[in-house]
Amino acid sequence: MESSPADGGEPDGPDVQWVYQSVEVHLPDGSWRLGRISGWWQDAGGERWCRLRVTRSGRPAGWERFDPSRVVLLPAAGL
């Protein structure tokens, strides 16, 4: 049985797409902070998850449901 972020596990195998993608994250206090997505995964219900690390937060990277209103993908190349 495959583990998932919803049950506190780490998804694995070919379903995870490993990436290195810069983002801006809207924090609960209203501020924005740079971060990085290092993986994408979609669960059986169709929810997209991202492995997110927020810089200078003191927290390790972890899987979260992707919320485009809170996590903004930054361009990887020129505009």
C-alpha atoms as a PDB file:
ATOM      1  CA  MET A   1       0.000   0.000   0.000  1.00  0.00           C
ATOM      2  CA  GLU A   2       1.356   3.417  -0.950  1.00  0.00           C
ATOM      3  CA  SER A   3       1.884   5.977   1.797  1.00  0.00           C
ATOM      4  CA  SER A   4       0.548   9.505   1.360  1.00  0.00           C
ATOM      5  CA  PRO A   5       1.038  12.937   2.923  1.00  0.00           C
ATOM      6  CA  ALA A   6      -2.569  12.850   4.168  1.00  0.00           C
ATOM      7  CA  ASP A   7      -1.692  10.033   6.567  1.00  0.00           C
ATOM      8  CA  GLY A   8       1.664  11.557   7.542  1.00  0.00           C
ATOM      9  CA  GLY A   9       3.683   9.415   5.149  1.00  0.00           C
ATOM     10  CA  GLU A  10       5.969  10.149   2.252  1.00  0.00           C
ATOM     11  CA  PRO A  11       4.712   9.241  -1.217  1.00  0.00           C
ATOM     12  CA  ASP A  12       7.253   7.316  -3.239  1.00  0.00           C
ATOM     13  CA  GLY A  13       7.834   5.570  -6.486  1.00  0.00           C
ATOM     14  CA  PRO A  14       7.151   6.720 -10.007  1.00  0.00           C
ATOM     15  CA  ASP A  15       4.172   8.875  -8.944  1.00  0.00           C
ATOM     16  CA  VAL A  16       6.466  11.562  -7.472  1.00  0.00           C
ATOM     17  CA  GLN A  17       7.894  14.121  -9.880  1.00  0.00           C
ATOM     18  CA  TRP A  18      11.079  15.539  -8.355  1.00  0.00           C
ATOM     19  CA  VAL A  19      11.737  19.190  -9.265  1.00  0.00           C
ATOM     20  CA  TYR A  20      13.590  22.288  -8.109  1.00  0.00           C
ATOM     21  CA  GLN A  21      11.098  25.139  -8.357  1.00  0.00           C
ATOM     22  CA  SER A  22      11.266  28.554  -6.653  1.00  0.00           C
ATOM     23  CA  VAL A  23       8.065  29.903  -5.111  1.00  0.00           C
ATOM     24  CA  GLU A  24       6.749  32.703  -2.913  1.00  0.00           C
ATOM     25  CA  VAL A  25       4.667  31.588   0.054  1.00  0.00           C
ATOM     26  CA  HIS A  26       1.964  33.697   1.710  1.00  0.00           C
ATOM     27  CA  LEU A  27       2.307  33.164   5.454  1.00  0.00           C
ATOM     28  CA  PRO A  28      -0.515  33.323   8.014  1.00  0.00           C
ATOM     29  CA  ASP A  29       0.778  36.675   9.343  1.00  0.00           C
ATOM     30  CA  GLY A  30       0.227  38.232   5.893  1.00  0.00           C
ATOM     31  CA  SER A  31       3.895  38.366   4.909  1.00  0.00           C
ATOM     32  CA  TRP A  32       5.490  36.638   1.921  1.00  0.00           C
ATOM     33  CA  ARG A  33       8.607  34.490   2.006  1.00  0.00           C
ATOM     34  CA  LEU A  34      10.645  32.717  -0.636  1.00  0.00           C
ATOM     35  CA  GLY A  35      10.515  28.949  -0.724  1.00  0.00           C
ATOM     36  CA  ARG A  36      11.175  25.942  -2.898  1.00  0.00           C
ATOM     37  CA  ILE A  37       9.127  23.034  -4.174  1.00  0.00           C
ATOM     38  CA  SER A  38      11.204  19.883  -4.551  1.00  0.00           C
ATOM     39  CA  GLY A  39       8.457  17.441  -5.545  1.00  0.00           C
ATOM     40  CA  TRP A  40       4.935  17.070  -6.933  1.00  0.00           C
ATOM     41  CA  TRP A  41       2.529  14.233  -6.267  1.00  0.00           C
ATOM     42  CA  GLN A  42      -1.173  13.615  -6.955  1.00  0.00           C
ATOM     43  CA  ASP A  43      -3.246  11.444  -4.638  1.00  0.00           C
ATOM     44  CA  ALA A  44      -5.959   8.990  -5.668  1.00  0.00           C
ATOM     45  CA  GLY A  45      -8.618  11.689  -5.199  1.00  0.00           C
ATOM     46  CA  GLY A  46      -6.896  14.019  -7.666  1.00  0.00           C
ATOM     47  CA  GLU A  47      -5.482  16.437  -5.056  1.00  0.00           C
ATOM     48  CA  ARG A  48      -2.067  17.885  -5.961  1.00  0.00           C
ATOM     49  CA  TRP A  49       0.592  17.880  -3.262  1.00  0.00           C
ATOM     50  CA  CYS A  50       3.926  19.690  -3.231  1.00  0.00           C
ATOM     51  CA  ARG A  51       7.001  19.070  -1.111  1.00  0.00           C
ATOM     52  CA  LEU A  52       7.520  22.611   0.170  1.00  0.00           C
ATOM     53  CA  ARG A  53      10.362  24.231   2.074  1.00  0.00           C
ATOM     54  CA  VAL A  54      10.019  27.825   3.226  1.00  0.00           C
ATOM     55  CA  THR A  55      13.410  29.549   3.542  1.00  0.00           C
ATOM     56  CA  ARG A  56      14.520  30.700   6.976  1.00  0.00           C
ATOM     57  CA  SER A  57      11.518  29.082   8.640  1.00  0.00           C
ATOM     58  CA  GLY A  58      13.494  26.550  10.649  1.00  0.00           C
ATOM     59  CA  ARG A  59      11.181  23.789   9.401  1.00  0.00           C
ATOM     60  CA  PRO A  60      12.281  20.962   7.122  1.00  0.00           C
ATOM     61  CA  ALA A  61      10.599  20.404   3.763  1.00  0.00           C
ATOM     62  CA  GLY A  62       7.256  18.655   3.992  1.00  0.00           C
ATOM     63  CA  TRP A  63       4.333  17.585   1.830  1.00  0.00           C
ATOM     64  CA  GLU A  64       1.375  20.001   1.663  1.00  0.00           C
ATOM     65  CA  ARG A  65      -1.724  20.209  -0.495  1.00  0.00           C
ATOM     66  CA  PHE A  66      -0.908  22.702  -3.230  1.00  0.00           C
ATOM     67  CA  ASP A  67      -2.862  25.944  -2.803  1.00  0.00           C
ATOM     68  CA  PRO A  68      -2.159  28.376  -5.680  1.00  0.00           C
ATOM     69  CA  SER A  69      -3.598  31.269  -3.648  1.00  0.00           C
ATOM     70  CA  ARG A  70      -0.917  30.702  -0.983  1.00  0.00           C
ATOM     71  CA  VAL A  71       2.012  29.333  -3.018  1.00  0.00           C
ATOM     72  CA  VAL A  72       2.966  31.306  -6.129  1.00  0.00           C
ATOM     73  CA  LEU A  73       5.237  29.622  -8.672  1.00  0.00           C
ATOM     74  CA  LEU A  74       8.096  31.873  -9.802  1.00  0.00           C
ATOM     75  CA  PRO A  75       9.495  31.818 -13.363  1.00  0.00           C
ATOM     76  CA  ALA A  76      12.460  29.492 -13.826  1.00  0.00           C
ATOM     77  CA  ALA A  77      13.839  31.419 -16.805  1.00  0.00           C
ATOM     78  CA  GLY A  78      13.648  34.926 -18.257  1.00  0.00           C
ATOM     79  CA  LEU A  79      10.354  36.704 -18.650  1.00  0.00           C
END
